[in-house]
Amino acid sequence: MEEHKHEPVPYRTFIKVWIALLALTVVTVVVSRIHFGAANIWIALGIASVKSSLVIFIFMHLRQESRLFKIGLLILLVILAIFIGLTFTDILYR
């Protein structure tokens, strides 16, 4: 197996991402108090997708992986979000 040499991520980046995650958590709470009808689910999934992307790319060092791996994981996350969203939509309209 090949060993990959990665340069370390500076602490400033971790702090910025942490602040962004806190801000997105506040946005999630604020949006949950506003009634958007059926769009509430899609908005919540969108915010959760952004937060999970930040965690995956920065804290789990995905941005230093190969392009094929990044694309595969992105497609997987999009498909998962679609399935969860469609499940909630099905439950909403029963």
N, C-alpha and C. Protein backbone atom coordinates (compact mmCIF):
# COMPACT_ATOMS: atom_id res chain seq x y z
N MET A 1 0.83 -1.18 0.00
CA MET A 1 0.00 0.00 0.00
C MET A 1 0.87 1.24 0.00
N GLU A 2 0.36 2.25 -0.68
CA GLU A 2 1.07 3.52 -0.68
C GLU A 2 0.77 4.30 0.58
N GLU A 3 1.78 4.97 1.06
CA GLU A 3 1.56 5.88 2.19
C GLU A 3 1.37 7.27 1.63
N HIS A 4 0.37 7.96 2.14
CA HIS A 4 0.11 9.31 1.70
C HIS A 4 0.71 10.28 2.71
N LYS A 5 1.43 11.25 2.18
CA LYS A 5 1.99 12.29 3.03
C LYS A 5 1.02 13.47 3.00
N HIS A 6 0.46 13.80 4.15
CA HIS A 6 -0.48 14.90 4.25
C HIS A 6 0.11 15.98 5.14
N GLU A 7 -0.11 17.21 4.73
CA GLU A 7 0.33 18.29 5.60
C GLU A 7 -0.73 18.52 6.66
N PRO A 8 -0.32 18.88 7.85
CA PRO A 8 -1.29 19.05 8.95
C PRO A 8 -2.21 20.24 8.70
N VAL A 9 -3.42 20.10 9.21
CA VAL A 9 -4.40 21.18 9.12
C VAL A 9 -4.14 22.15 10.27
N PRO A 10 -4.05 23.44 9.97
CA PRO A 10 -3.78 24.41 11.06
C PRO A 10 -4.96 24.50 12.03
N TYR A 11 -4.63 24.83 13.27
CA TYR A 11 -5.67 24.96 14.30
C TYR A 11 -6.68 26.04 13.95
N ARG A 12 -6.26 27.06 13.26
CA ARG A 12 -7.17 28.14 12.87
C ARG A 12 -8.33 27.58 12.02
N THR A 13 -8.03 26.64 11.16
CA THR A 13 -9.07 26.02 10.34
C THR A 13 -10.06 25.26 11.21
N PHE A 14 -9.56 24.52 12.18
CA PHE A 14 -10.45 23.79 13.09
C PHE A 14 -11.36 24.74 13.86
N ILE A 15 -10.80 25.86 14.30
CA ILE A 15 -11.60 26.82 15.06
C ILE A 15 -12.67 27.45 14.17
N LYS A 16 -12.31 27.79 12.93
CA LYS A 16 -13.29 28.35 12.00
C LYS A 16 -14.43 27.37 11.70
N VAL A 17 -14.07 26.12 11.50
CA VAL A 17 -15.10 25.11 11.23
C VAL A 17 -15.98 24.90 12.46
N TRP A 18 -15.39 24.91 13.63
CA TRP A 18 -16.17 24.76 14.86
C TRP A 18 -17.16 25.91 15.02
N ILE A 19 -16.71 27.13 14.73
CA ILE A 19 -17.60 28.30 14.81
C ILE A 19 -18.70 28.18 13.76
N ALA A 20 -18.35 27.72 12.56
CA ALA A 20 -19.37 27.52 11.52
C ALA A 20 -20.39 26.48 11.95
N LEU A 21 -19.94 25.40 12.59
CA LEU A 21 -20.86 24.36 13.06
C LEU A 21 -21.79 24.91 14.15
N LEU A 22 -21.25 25.74 15.04
CA LEU A 22 -22.10 26.37 16.06
C LEU A 22 -23.13 27.29 15.42
N ALA A 23 -22.71 28.06 14.43
CA ALA A 23 -23.63 28.97 13.74
C ALA A 23 -24.72 28.18 13.00
N LEU A 24 -24.34 27.09 12.37
CA LEU A 24 -25.33 26.27 11.67
C LEU A 24 -26.29 25.60 12.65
N THR A 25 -25.82 25.28 13.84
CA THR A 25 -26.71 24.73 14.86
C THR A 25 -27.73 25.77 15.29
N VAL A 26 -27.29 27.01 15.44
CA VAL A 26 -28.22 28.10 15.77
C VAL A 26 -29.24 28.28 14.64
N VAL A 27 -28.77 28.24 13.39
CA VAL A 27 -29.68 28.35 12.25
C VAL A 27 -30.69 27.21 12.26
N THR A 28 -30.25 26.02 12.60
CA THR A 28 -31.16 24.87 12.66
C THR A 28 -32.25 25.11 13.69
N VAL A 29 -31.89 25.60 14.85
CA VAL A 29 -32.88 25.86 15.90
C VAL A 29 -33.85 26.96 15.48
N VAL A 30 -33.33 28.03 14.88
CA VAL A 30 -34.18 29.14 14.45
C VAL A 30 -35.15 28.67 13.36
N VAL A 31 -34.65 27.93 12.39
CA VAL A 31 -35.49 27.47 11.29
C VAL A 31 -36.54 26.48 11.79
N SER A 32 -36.21 25.71 12.81
CA SER A 32 -37.19 24.74 13.33
C SER A 32 -38.39 25.42 13.98
N ARG A 33 -38.23 26.66 14.38
CA ARG A 33 -39.33 27.40 15.01
C ARG A 33 -40.23 28.11 13.99
N ILE A 34 -39.80 28.15 12.73
CA ILE A 34 -40.57 28.79 11.67
C ILE A 34 -41.27 27.70 10.86
N HIS A 35 -42.54 27.93 10.53
CA HIS A 35 -43.31 26.93 9.80
C HIS A 35 -43.18 27.16 8.29
N PHE A 36 -42.54 26.22 7.61
CA PHE A 36 -42.39 26.28 6.16
C PHE A 36 -43.21 25.20 5.47
N GLY A 37 -44.04 24.51 6.22
CA GLY A 37 -44.84 23.42 5.64
C GLY A 37 -43.97 22.20 5.37
N ALA A 38 -44.16 21.63 4.19
CA ALA A 38 -43.40 20.43 3.82
C ALA A 38 -41.91 20.73 3.59
N ALA A 39 -41.56 21.99 3.41
CA ALA A 39 -40.17 22.35 3.16
C ALA A 39 -39.31 22.26 4.42
N ASN A 40 -39.93 22.17 5.60
CA ASN A 40 -39.15 22.08 6.85
C ASN A 40 -38.17 20.90 6.80
N ILE A 41 -38.62 19.79 6.28
CA ILE A 41 -37.78 18.59 6.22
C ILE A 41 -36.58 18.83 5.31
N TRP A 42 -36.84 19.41 4.14
CA TRP A 42 -35.76 19.63 3.18
C TRP A 42 -34.77 20.67 3.68
N ILE A 43 -35.25 21.69 4.37
CA ILE A 43 -34.35 22.70 4.93
C ILE A 43 -33.47 22.08 6.01
N ALA A 44 -34.09 21.27 6.89
CA ALA A 44 -33.32 20.61 7.95
C ALA A 44 -32.28 19.66 7.36
N LEU A 45 -32.66 18.91 6.33
CA LEU A 45 -31.70 18.01 5.68
C LEU A 45 -30.58 18.78 4.99
N GLY A 46 -30.89 19.92 4.41
CA GLY A 46 -29.86 20.73 3.77
C GLY A 46 -28.84 21.24 4.77
N ILE A 47 -29.33 21.75 5.90
CA ILE A 47 -28.42 22.25 6.93
C ILE A 47 -27.59 21.10 7.50
N ALA A 48 -28.23 19.96 7.74
CA ALA A 48 -27.49 18.79 8.26
C ALA A 48 -26.44 18.31 7.26
N SER A 49 -26.75 18.40 5.98
CA SER A 49 -25.78 17.99 4.96
C SER A 49 -24.56 18.91 4.95
N VAL A 50 -24.80 20.20 5.10
CA VAL A 50 -23.68 21.14 5.15
C VAL A 50 -22.82 20.88 6.38
N LYS A 51 -23.46 20.66 7.52
CA LYS A 51 -22.70 20.39 8.75
C LYS A 51 -21.91 19.08 8.63
N SER A 52 -22.53 18.05 8.09
CA SER A 52 -21.80 16.78 7.95
C SER A 52 -20.67 16.90 6.95
N SER A 53 -20.86 17.69 5.90
CA SER A 53 -19.78 17.89 4.93
C SER A 53 -18.59 18.59 5.57
N LEU A 54 -18.86 19.58 6.40
CA LEU A 54 -17.76 20.25 7.10
C LEU A 54 -16.98 19.27 7.98
N VAL A 55 -17.70 18.45 8.71
CA VAL A 55 -17.04 17.49 9.59
C VAL A 55 -16.22 16.48 8.78
N ILE A 56 -16.83 15.97 7.72
CA ILE A 56 -16.15 14.95 6.92
C ILE A 56 -14.92 15.52 6.22
N PHE A 57 -15.05 16.68 5.60
CA PHE A 57 -13.94 17.22 4.83
C PHE A 57 -12.81 17.76 5.70
N ILE A 58 -13.14 18.37 6.83
CA ILE A 58 -12.09 18.99 7.63
C ILE A 58 -11.60 18.07 8.74
N PHE A 59 -12.51 17.62 9.61
CA PHE A 59 -12.08 16.85 10.77
C PHE A 59 -11.65 15.42 10.40
N MET A 60 -12.25 14.87 9.35
CA MET A 60 -11.88 13.52 8.94
C MET A 60 -10.89 13.53 7.77
N HIS A 61 -10.41 14.72 7.40
CA HIS A 61 -9.35 14.92 6.39
C HIS A 61 -9.71 14.34 5.02
N LEU A 62 -10.97 14.42 4.64
CA LEU A 62 -11.36 13.91 3.33
C LEU A 62 -10.81 14.76 2.21
N ARG A 63 -10.60 16.02 2.45
CA ARG A 63 -10.13 16.88 1.36
C ARG A 63 -8.72 16.50 0.91
N GLN A 64 -8.04 15.67 1.67
CA GLN A 64 -6.70 15.22 1.27
C GLN A 64 -6.74 13.85 0.60
N GLU A 65 -7.93 13.31 0.40
CA GLU A 65 -8.07 12.01 -0.26
C GLU A 65 -8.15 12.18 -1.77
N SER A 66 -8.22 11.06 -2.48
CA SER A 66 -8.28 11.11 -3.93
C SER A 66 -9.65 11.63 -4.40
N ARG A 67 -9.67 12.13 -5.61
CA ARG A 67 -10.88 12.72 -6.18
C ARG A 67 -11.98 11.68 -6.33
N LEU A 68 -11.64 10.47 -6.72
CA LEU A 68 -12.64 9.41 -6.89
C LEU A 68 -13.32 9.09 -5.57
N PHE A 69 -12.57 9.04 -4.50
CA PHE A 69 -13.14 8.76 -3.17
C PHE A 69 -14.08 9.88 -2.75
N LYS A 70 -13.69 11.13 -3.01
CA LYS A 70 -14.54 12.28 -2.66
C LYS A 70 -15.86 12.24 -3.42
N ILE A 71 -15.78 11.98 -4.71
CA ILE A 71 -16.99 11.94 -5.53
C ILE A 71 -17.90 10.80 -5.09
N GLY A 72 -17.33 9.65 -4.81
CA GLY A 72 -18.12 8.51 -4.35
C GLY A 72 -18.84 8.79 -3.04
N LEU A 73 -18.15 9.40 -2.10
CA LEU A 73 -18.77 9.72 -0.82
C LEU A 73 -19.84 10.79 -0.97
N LEU A 74 -19.59 11.78 -1.82
CA LEU A 74 -20.58 12.83 -2.06
C LEU A 74 -21.85 12.25 -2.67
N ILE A 75 -21.71 11.37 -3.63
CA ILE A 75 -22.88 10.72 -4.25
C ILE A 75 -23.62 9.91 -3.21
N LEU A 76 -22.90 9.19 -2.38
CA LEU A 76 -23.53 8.39 -1.33
C LEU A 76 -24.34 9.27 -0.37
N LEU A 77 -23.78 10.40 0.05
CA LEU A 77 -24.48 11.29 0.97
C LEU A 77 -25.71 11.92 0.33
N VAL A 78 -25.62 12.27 -0.95
CA VAL A 78 -26.77 12.85 -1.65
C VAL A 78 -27.89 11.82 -1.76
N ILE A 79 -27.55 10.59 -2.11
CA ILE A 79 -28.56 9.53 -2.21
C ILE A 79 -29.19 9.27 -0.85
N LEU A 80 -28.40 9.25 0.20
CA LEU A 80 -28.94 9.05 1.55
C LEU A 80 -29.91 10.17 1.93
N ALA A 81 -29.53 11.42 1.62
CA ALA A 81 -30.41 12.55 1.93
C ALA A 81 -31.71 12.47 1.14
N ILE A 82 -31.64 12.04 -0.10
CA ILE A 82 -32.85 11.90 -0.92
C ILE A 82 -33.76 10.83 -0.33
N PHE A 83 -33.20 9.69 0.04
CA PHE A 83 -34.02 8.61 0.62
C PHE A 83 -34.68 9.05 1.93
N ILE A 84 -33.93 9.73 2.77
CA ILE A 84 -34.51 10.19 4.04
C ILE A 84 -35.59 11.23 3.77
N GLY A 85 -35.32 12.15 2.86
CA GLY A 85 -36.31 13.16 2.51
C GLY A 85 -37.58 12.57 1.92
N LEU A 86 -37.43 11.60 1.04
CA LEU A 86 -38.61 10.96 0.45
C LEU A 86 -39.39 10.16 1.49
N THR A 87 -38.69 9.57 2.44
CA THR A 87 -39.38 8.86 3.51
C THR A 87 -40.22 9.81 4.34
N PHE A 88 -39.64 10.96 4.70
CA PHE A 88 -40.40 11.95 5.46
C PHE A 88 -41.57 12.50 4.65
N THR A 89 -41.37 12.70 3.36
CA THR A 89 -42.44 13.18 2.50
C THR A 89 -43.59 12.17 2.44
N ASP A 90 -43.25 10.90 2.35
CA ASP A 90 -44.26 9.85 2.33
C ASP A 90 -45.07 9.85 3.63
N ILE A 91 -44.39 9.98 4.74
CA ILE A 91 -45.07 10.02 6.04
C ILE A 91 -45.94 11.27 6.16
N LEU A 92 -45.47 12.40 5.62
CA LEU A 92 -46.20 13.66 5.72
C LEU A 92 -47.53 13.59 4.97
N TYR A 93 -47.57 12.92 3.84
CA TYR A 93 -48.77 12.91 3.01
C TYR A 93 -49.63 11.66 3.17
N ARG A 94 -49.47 10.91 4.21
CA ARG A 94 -50.32 9.75 4.45
C ARG A 94 -51.63 10.16 5.02
